[in-house]
């Protein structure tokens, strides 16, 4: 079994894509938390197992559970990402009823308006800006808050709370519980307001969602808001930032994209494959023995899907470590697979296309301000996030 990697490094950054691929698609290691896991690094094996009926969410997925009160756990973890059928089926059906494609498509003009405003502010700020702070972060957080119905005056609070929520293992239990409690208090107030005076936003849609006589309970509502705020903006921040970084590191690909902007949808897919927003999926557990790729996963073993190496599996992708926006098939697992495939993938793709297209249209000479330095990435297991990206306009 491999030795633990530290919490200040990621799976692929600790050992390298080539090292992981060379040792096979199924490996054993110990997380920095001390938990032994079965690590899946192969593309085909990840797809197979994510759709396997005996690969399920663990009831112990949540952070700091040993110190959290049951009431706090119920109000934050009763969402579909942590559920298995039949609960997952019921929750996803109710949420899908509110999270419609019509609602997402209708956001395009507003996303363009928000992005254009941010680009105006960047132009006025000077020749050098931090792309994360100026563009990659405020665009998705504004979009998801408007989609849900979060007042603008509270968005900075949500930025701080969700940062703790997403990077829970990097914070103490006290910090996590405090941020969670503050966020819950506000979400409860917001739900009460929307129940009294519903508007055309996602939270009002979730409150009204029905399947026959079934509906979301209040704990399920608060849990879904937690999930949507975290998954609805943190991953898109990384999609934009990592995508810009990759293109600036590959000027031939960037010039091709600027010359042929119709390639933008395919470019987004290739960027998701090449340097996606997640290192790994939230851990699963095997509820029965599973034989795969010449290995046996025993019942009760924790399974971690290493999405970055899987997306660069040389058995699936030719020249996997090259960025090529002309690939005829940039198949990837950046949004997962199976019943837990990301419900917000269409929104993330839409934001990514708009953000990248408008950025390079506005600043065609954009370049890295510190090209000799690799950007610092957020520590931890799940996120593949660049903390800051200084650029010259």
Protein backbone atom coordinates (compact mmCIF):
# COMPACT_ATOMS: atom_id res chain seq x y z
CA UNK A 1 0.00 0.00 0.00
CA UNK A 2 1.25 3.49 -0.84
CA UNK A 3 2.20 5.78 1.99
CA UNK A 4 -0.15 8.69 2.80
CA UNK A 5 0.08 11.86 0.81
CA UNK A 6 -0.13 15.07 2.86
CA UNK A 7 -3.20 17.25 3.05
CA UNK A 8 -1.20 20.06 1.41
CA UNK A 9 -0.84 18.05 -1.79
CA UNK A 10 -3.21 16.34 -4.20
CA UNK A 11 -3.25 12.80 -5.50
CA UNK A 12 -1.89 13.57 -8.96
CA UNK A 13 0.40 16.37 -7.77
CA UNK A 14 1.90 14.12 -5.09
CA UNK A 15 2.80 11.19 -7.34
CA UNK A 16 2.20 12.42 -10.89
CA UNK A 17 -0.20 11.23 -13.56
CA UNK A 18 2.38 8.93 -15.10
CA UNK A 19 3.16 7.23 -11.79
CA UNK A 20 -0.50 6.57 -11.10
CA UNK A 21 -1.19 5.24 -14.60
CA UNK A 22 1.89 3.00 -14.52
CA UNK A 23 0.79 1.19 -11.37
CA UNK A 24 -2.62 0.23 -12.66
CA UNK A 25 -6.22 1.47 -12.49
CA UNK A 26 -6.93 0.07 -8.99
CA UNK A 27 -4.56 0.89 -6.12
CA UNK A 28 -4.51 1.01 -2.34
CA UNK A 29 -3.34 3.96 -0.26
CA UNK A 30 -3.93 5.75 3.01
CA UNK A 31 -5.45 9.23 3.02
CA UNK A 32 -3.92 12.00 5.10
CA UNK A 33 -6.85 11.42 7.47
CA UNK A 34 -5.52 7.93 8.18
CA UNK A 35 -8.32 6.18 6.28
CA UNK A 36 -7.20 3.32 3.97
CA UNK A 37 -8.93 3.52 0.59
CA UNK A 38 -9.15 1.80 -2.75
CA UNK A 39 -8.04 4.40 -5.32
CA UNK A 40 -9.50 4.12 -8.83
CA UNK A 41 -7.42 5.93 -11.46
CA UNK A 42 -8.65 4.28 -14.70
CA UNK A 43 -11.28 5.88 -16.92
CA UNK A 44 -13.18 2.68 -17.78
CA UNK A 45 -13.01 1.39 -14.19
CA UNK A 46 -14.30 4.71 -12.83
CA UNK A 47 -17.26 4.70 -15.21
CA UNK A 48 -18.05 1.07 -14.42
CA UNK A 49 -17.89 1.47 -10.66
CA UNK A 50 -19.77 4.78 -10.52
CA UNK A 51 -22.67 2.97 -12.21
CA UNK A 52 -22.32 -0.20 -10.11
CA UNK A 53 -25.30 -0.93 -7.81
CA UNK A 54 -22.99 -2.10 -5.00
CA UNK A 55 -20.97 1.14 -4.97
CA UNK A 56 -22.86 3.48 -2.67
CA UNK A 57 -22.47 6.61 -0.66
CA UNK A 58 -21.14 6.05 2.83
CA UNK A 59 -23.29 7.26 5.74
CA UNK A 60 -20.07 8.63 7.24
CA UNK A 61 -19.18 10.97 4.35
CA UNK A 62 -19.81 14.23 6.19
CA UNK A 63 -16.94 16.23 7.72
CA UNK A 64 -16.48 16.62 11.48
CA UNK A 65 -19.38 14.28 12.19
CA UNK A 66 -17.87 13.17 15.49
CA UNK A 67 -18.29 16.68 16.93
CA UNK A 68 -21.49 17.86 15.19
CA UNK A 69 -24.92 17.64 16.76
CA UNK A 70 -27.39 15.37 14.95
CA UNK A 71 -29.64 18.36 14.24
CA UNK A 72 -26.83 20.17 12.41
CA UNK A 73 -26.00 17.04 10.39
CA UNK A 74 -29.64 16.58 9.36
CA UNK A 75 -29.94 20.18 8.21
CA UNK A 76 -26.83 20.04 6.01
CA UNK A 77 -26.45 16.48 4.72
CA UNK A 78 -29.93 15.39 3.64
CA UNK A 79 -29.29 16.17 -0.03
CA UNK A 80 -29.11 13.94 -3.08
CA UNK A 81 -25.31 13.90 -3.36
CA UNK A 82 -25.05 11.95 -0.12
CA UNK A 83 -28.09 9.72 -0.69
CA UNK A 84 -28.58 6.28 -2.22
CA UNK A 85 -31.71 4.89 -3.92
CA UNK A 86 -34.56 5.06 -3.22
CA UNK A 87 -33.96 8.32 -1.29
CA UNK A 88 -31.66 9.62 -4.02
CA UNK A 89 -34.23 8.87 -6.72
CA UNK A 90 -36.92 10.77 -4.83
CA UNK A 91 -34.71 13.80 -4.05
CA UNK A 92 -33.25 14.08 -7.54
CA UNK A 93 -36.71 13.96 -9.11
CA UNK A 94 -37.95 16.76 -6.86
CA UNK A 95 -34.88 18.95 -7.42
CA UNK A 96 -34.88 18.35 -11.18
CA UNK A 97 -38.44 19.65 -11.28
CA UNK A 98 -37.15 23.04 -10.09
CA UNK A 99 -33.68 22.99 -11.70
CA UNK A 100 -35.01 22.99 -15.26
CA UNK A 101 -33.13 23.49 -18.52
CA UNK A 102 -35.49 26.37 -19.27
CA UNK A 103 -34.42 28.12 -16.08
CA UNK A 104 -30.73 27.59 -16.93
CA UNK A 105 -31.00 28.69 -20.57
CA UNK A 106 -32.84 31.83 -19.51
CA UNK A 107 -29.76 32.88 -17.52
CA UNK A 108 -27.50 33.36 -20.56
CA UNK A 109 -28.18 37.09 -21.11
CA UNK A 110 -27.72 37.80 -17.41
CA UNK A 111 -24.47 35.77 -17.24
CA UNK A 112 -23.14 37.78 -20.18
CA UNK A 113 -24.15 41.00 -18.45
CA UNK A 114 -22.41 40.03 -15.21
CA UNK A 115 -19.25 38.92 -17.04
CA UNK A 116 -19.13 42.13 -19.10
CA UNK A 117 -19.44 44.23 -15.96
CA UNK A 118 -16.58 42.34 -14.32
CA UNK A 119 -14.41 42.78 -17.42
CA UNK A 120 -15.12 46.53 -17.31
CA UNK A 121 -13.95 46.59 -13.70
CA UNK A 122 -10.81 44.64 -14.63
CA UNK A 123 -9.98 47.13 -17.38
CA UNK A 124 -10.36 50.01 -14.94
CA UNK A 125 -8.22 48.33 -12.28
CA UNK A 126 -4.94 48.54 -14.18
CA UNK A 127 -2.68 46.33 -16.27
CA UNK A 128 -2.38 43.50 -13.72
CA UNK A 129 -5.14 41.72 -11.81
CA UNK A 130 -5.71 38.45 -9.98
CA UNK A 131 -8.08 36.61 -12.32
CA UNK A 132 -9.60 34.55 -9.48
CA UNK A 133 -10.51 37.56 -7.36
CA UNK A 134 -11.54 39.81 -10.24
CA UNK A 135 -13.39 37.40 -12.53
CA UNK A 136 -13.38 33.64 -11.92
CA UNK A 137 -14.89 33.87 -8.44
CA UNK A 138 -17.39 36.77 -8.61
CA UNK A 139 -19.02 35.52 -11.83
CA UNK A 140 -20.20 32.08 -10.56
CA UNK A 141 -21.04 33.29 -7.03
CA UNK A 142 -23.21 36.08 -8.45
CA UNK A 143 -24.91 33.68 -10.86
CA UNK A 144 -25.70 30.99 -8.28
CA UNK A 145 -26.87 33.54 -5.70
CA UNK A 146 -29.21 35.15 -8.22
CA UNK A 147 -30.41 31.74 -9.37
CA UNK A 148 -31.20 30.64 -5.82
CA UNK A 149 -32.46 34.04 -4.69
CA UNK A 150 -29.72 35.18 -2.29
CA UNK A 151 -29.73 38.96 -1.72
CA UNK A 152 -26.61 40.74 -3.01
CA UNK A 153 -25.84 42.19 0.42
CA UNK A 154 -25.25 38.70 1.84
CA UNK A 155 -23.02 37.30 -0.92
CA UNK A 156 -19.74 38.11 0.78
CA UNK A 157 -21.00 36.24 3.85
CA UNK A 158 -21.80 33.26 1.65
CA UNK A 159 -18.34 33.45 0.11
CA UNK A 160 -16.74 33.05 3.52
CA UNK A 161 -19.15 30.39 4.75
CA UNK A 162 -18.99 28.26 1.61
CA UNK A 163 -15.18 28.40 1.56
CA UNK A 164 -15.17 26.73 4.98
CA UNK A 165 -17.93 24.35 3.93
CA UNK A 166 -16.16 23.14 0.76
CA UNK A 167 -12.72 22.86 2.36
CA UNK A 168 -13.99 21.36 5.60
CA UNK A 169 -10.99 19.11 6.28
CA UNK A 170 -8.71 22.16 6.20
CA UNK A 171 -10.65 23.82 9.05
CA UNK A 172 -11.16 22.92 12.67
CA UNK A 173 -14.46 21.48 13.82
CA UNK A 174 -15.16 24.74 15.65
CA UNK A 175 -14.62 26.82 12.50
CA UNK A 176 -16.76 24.47 10.44
CA UNK A 177 -19.62 24.37 12.95
CA UNK A 178 -19.61 28.17 13.34
CA UNK A 179 -19.74 28.80 9.58
CA UNK A 180 -22.38 26.11 9.12
CA UNK A 181 -24.56 27.48 11.90
CA UNK A 182 -24.40 31.06 10.59
CA UNK A 183 -25.24 29.90 7.09
CA UNK A 184 -28.12 27.75 8.32
CA UNK A 185 -29.63 30.61 10.31
CA UNK A 186 -29.72 32.78 7.22
CA UNK A 187 -31.03 30.02 4.96
CA UNK A 188 -33.91 29.39 7.38
CA UNK A 189 -34.78 33.11 7.28
CA UNK A 190 -34.66 33.07 3.49
CA UNK A 191 -36.90 29.99 3.25
CA UNK A 192 -39.46 31.66 5.50
CA UNK A 193 -39.43 34.76 3.27
CA UNK A 194 -39.86 32.72 0.09
CA UNK A 195 -42.69 30.71 1.62
CA UNK A 196 -44.54 33.95 2.36
CA UNK A 197 -43.66 35.71 -0.90
CA UNK A 198 -42.36 33.34 -3.60
CA UNK A 199 -40.46 34.76 -6.56
CA UNK A 200 -39.11 33.37 -9.84
CA UNK A 201 -35.96 31.84 -8.37
CA UNK A 202 -34.70 28.35 -7.67
CA UNK A 203 -35.39 28.39 -3.93
CA UNK A 204 -39.03 29.28 -4.53
CA UNK A 205 -39.11 26.48 -7.11
CA UNK A 206 -37.64 24.00 -4.64
CA UNK A 207 -40.20 25.00 -2.00
CA UNK A 208 -43.02 24.51 -4.53
CA UNK A 209 -41.64 21.27 -6.04
CA UNK A 210 -44.10 18.39 -5.80
CA UNK A 211 -44.25 14.77 -6.90
CA UNK A 212 -47.80 13.80 -6.16
CA UNK A 213 -48.16 14.46 -2.45
CA UNK A 214 -44.39 14.40 -1.88
CA UNK A 215 -42.23 17.48 -1.34
CA UNK A 216 -38.88 18.46 0.14
CA UNK A 217 -38.79 18.73 3.92
CA UNK A 218 -37.15 21.78 5.50
CA UNK A 219 -34.02 19.78 6.34
CA UNK A 220 -33.85 18.65 2.73
CA UNK A 221 -34.31 22.23 1.57
CA UNK A 222 -31.47 23.58 3.72
CA UNK A 223 -29.24 20.67 2.71
CA UNK A 224 -29.92 21.31 -0.97
CA UNK A 225 -29.07 25.00 -0.61
CA UNK A 226 -25.78 24.00 1.04
CA UNK A 227 -25.04 21.64 -1.83
CA UNK A 228 -26.03 24.09 -4.56
CA UNK A 229 -24.00 26.94 -3.10
CA UNK A 230 -20.90 24.77 -2.79
CA UNK A 231 -21.16 22.72 -5.99
CA UNK A 232 -22.82 25.58 -7.88
CA UNK A 233 -19.92 27.98 -7.74
CA UNK A 234 -16.68 26.48 -6.38
CA UNK A 235 -16.30 24.03 -9.28
CA UNK A 236 -17.13 26.69 -11.87
CA UNK A 237 -14.51 29.02 -10.38
CA UNK A 238 -11.95 26.31 -11.06
CA UNK A 239 -13.33 25.51 -14.50
CA UNK A 240 -12.73 29.14 -15.53
CA UNK A 241 -9.40 29.64 -13.73
CA UNK A 242 -7.86 26.31 -14.71
CA UNK A 243 -9.12 26.77 -18.25
CA UNK A 244 -7.55 30.20 -18.63
CA UNK A 245 -4.29 28.97 -17.11
CA UNK A 246 -4.15 25.97 -19.46
CA UNK A 247 -4.81 28.11 -22.53
CA UNK A 248 -2.20 30.69 -21.55
CA UNK A 249 0.29 27.85 -21.10
CA UNK A 250 -0.60 26.59 -24.60
CA UNK A 251 -0.54 29.69 -26.83
CA UNK A 252 -1.01 27.65 -30.01
CA UNK A 253 -4.33 26.35 -28.69
CA UNK A 254 -5.38 29.80 -27.53
CA UNK A 255 -4.59 31.35 -30.91
CA UNK A 256 -6.60 28.63 -32.63
CA UNK A 257 -9.55 29.29 -30.32
CA UNK A 258 -9.40 33.04 -30.94
CA UNK A 259 -9.21 32.46 -34.69
CA UNK A 260 -12.07 29.94 -34.64
CA UNK A 261 -14.41 30.87 -31.74
CA UNK A 262 -16.91 28.23 -32.84
CA UNK A 263 -14.54 25.73 -31.23
CA UNK A 264 -15.39 27.13 -27.78
CA UNK A 265 -17.82 24.35 -26.70
CA UNK A 266 -15.30 21.65 -27.67
CA UNK A 267 -12.52 23.64 -25.99
CA UNK A 268 -14.45 23.72 -22.70
CA UNK A 269 -14.81 19.93 -22.81
CA UNK A 270 -11.08 19.48 -23.47
CA UNK A 271 -10.21 21.87 -20.64
CA UNK A 272 -12.47 19.90 -18.30
CA UNK A 273 -10.62 16.75 -19.31
CA UNK A 274 -7.15 18.27 -19.14
CA UNK A 275 -7.37 20.12 -15.81
CA UNK A 276 -10.86 19.71 -14.38
CA UNK A 277 -12.17 21.34 -11.19
CA UNK A 278 -12.15 18.17 -9.06
CA UNK A 279 -9.23 15.96 -8.12
CA UNK A 280 -11.51 13.26 -6.79
CA UNK A 281 -15.17 12.51 -6.18
CA UNK A 282 -16.61 12.38 -2.68
CA UNK A 283 -15.73 8.88 -1.36
CA UNK A 284 -18.01 5.91 -1.88
CA UNK A 285 -18.12 2.50 -0.17
CA UNK A 286 -18.48 -1.04 -1.53
CA UNK A 287 -21.44 -2.82 0.01
CA UNK A 288 -20.46 -6.17 -1.52
CA UNK A 289 -17.25 -7.67 -2.99
CA UNK A 290 -16.51 -6.41 -6.52
CA UNK A 291 -13.98 -7.85 -8.98
CA UNK A 292 -12.53 -5.33 -11.41
CA UNK A 293 -9.33 -4.99 -13.46
CA UNK A 294 -7.82 -8.08 -11.86
CA UNK A 295 -8.39 -6.77 -8.33
CA UNK A 296 -11.02 -7.44 -5.69
CA UNK A 297 -12.64 -4.63 -3.74
CA UNK A 298 -13.95 -6.08 -0.50
CA UNK A 299 -17.27 -5.19 1.09
CA UNK A 300 -16.84 -2.20 3.38
CA UNK A 301 -13.81 -0.76 1.56
CA UNK A 302 -13.85 2.99 0.96
CA UNK A 303 -13.48 3.86 -2.73
CA UNK A 304 -11.97 7.12 -3.99
CA UNK A 305 -12.30 7.96 -7.67
CA UNK A 306 -9.27 9.98 -8.83
CA UNK A 307 -10.90 11.99 -11.60
CA UNK A 308 -7.83 13.85 -12.84
CA UNK A 309 -5.80 10.69 -13.58
CA UNK A 310 -8.89 8.95 -14.98
CA UNK A 311 -9.35 11.82 -17.44
CA UNK A 312 -5.77 11.32 -18.60
CA UNK A 313 -5.91 7.53 -18.83
CA UNK A 314 -3.68 6.63 -21.81
CA UNK A 315 -5.87 3.60 -22.49
CA UNK A 316 -8.71 6.01 -23.25
CA UNK A 317 -7.01 9.14 -24.60
CA UNK A 318 -4.23 9.48 -27.14
CA UNK A 319 -1.54 11.93 -26.01
CA UNK A 320 -3.39 12.38 -22.70
CA UNK A 321 -1.02 14.99 -21.29
CA UNK A 322 -1.42 17.30 -24.29
CA UNK A 323 -4.07 20.00 -24.49
CA UNK A 324 -5.80 19.70 -27.86
CA UNK A 325 -9.05 21.57 -28.42
CA UNK A 326 -9.48 19.82 -31.79
CA UNK A 327 -9.94 16.37 -30.25
CA UNK A 328 -12.94 14.70 -31.87
CA UNK A 329 -13.94 13.23 -28.50
CA UNK A 330 -12.79 14.88 -25.25
CA UNK A 331 -14.56 12.30 -23.10
CA UNK A 332 -14.12 13.07 -19.42
CA UNK A 333 -15.49 12.43 -15.96
CA UNK A 334 -15.20 15.97 -14.62
CA UNK A 335 -18.91 15.95 -13.73
CA UNK A 336 -18.92 12.37 -12.47
CA UNK A 337 -21.01 9.54 -13.89
CA UNK A 338 -24.03 7.46 -13.00
CA UNK A 339 -26.86 8.53 -10.74
CA UNK A 340 -24.72 11.21 -9.06
CA UNK A 341 -23.71 12.88 -12.33
CA UNK A 342 -23.67 16.63 -11.65
CA UNK A 343 -27.12 18.15 -12.07
CA UNK A 344 -25.54 21.57 -12.62
CA UNK A 345 -23.28 20.50 -15.50
CA UNK A 346 -25.28 22.47 -18.13
CA UNK A 347 -24.97 25.64 -16.03
CA UNK A 348 -21.23 25.13 -15.50
CA UNK A 349 -20.67 24.57 -19.22
CA UNK A 350 -22.71 27.67 -20.07
CA UNK A 351 -20.77 29.83 -17.63
CA UNK A 352 -17.46 28.42 -18.85
CA UNK A 353 -18.22 29.17 -22.49
CA UNK A 354 -19.39 32.70 -21.75
CA UNK A 355 -16.55 33.48 -19.34
CA UNK A 356 -13.75 32.29 -21.62
CA UNK A 357 -15.24 33.70 -24.81
CA UNK A 358 -15.81 37.19 -23.44
CA UNK A 359 -12.48 37.29 -21.57
CA UNK A 360 -10.29 36.61 -24.60
CA UNK A 361 -12.48 38.78 -26.82
CA UNK A 362 -12.03 41.71 -24.44
CA UNK A 363 -8.36 41.08 -23.68
CA UNK A 364 -6.81 39.35 -26.72
CA UNK A 365 -3.28 39.98 -25.40
CA UNK A 366 -3.98 38.50 -21.96
CA UNK A 367 -0.92 36.72 -20.53
CA UNK A 368 0.37 35.28 -17.27
CA UNK A 369 1.96 37.91 -15.06
CA UNK A 370 4.30 35.31 -13.52
CA UNK A 371 4.87 32.74 -16.30
CA UNK A 372 7.88 31.23 -14.58
CA UNK A 373 5.89 30.23 -11.49
CA UNK A 374 3.39 27.39 -11.18
CA UNK A 375 0.24 28.62 -9.44
CA UNK A 376 -0.46 27.51 -5.88
CA UNK A 377 -3.35 25.07 -5.65
CA UNK A 378 -5.78 24.70 -2.76
CA UNK A 379 -4.74 21.79 -0.49
CA UNK A 380 -7.04 18.87 0.20
CA UNK A 381 -8.47 15.78 -1.46
CA UNK A 382 -11.42 16.92 -3.57
CA UNK A 383 -10.88 20.32 -5.18
CA UNK A 384 -8.41 21.10 -7.97
CA UNK A 385 -8.43 24.84 -7.44
CA UNK A 386 -5.85 27.52 -8.22
CA UNK A 387 -5.78 30.02 -5.36
CA UNK A 388 -4.76 33.03 -7.41
CA UNK A 389 -3.76 33.67 -11.01
CA UNK A 390 -2.02 37.03 -11.67
CA UNK A 391 -2.50 38.09 -15.29
CA UNK A 392 -1.43 41.02 -17.45
CA UNK A 393 -4.24 42.50 -19.47
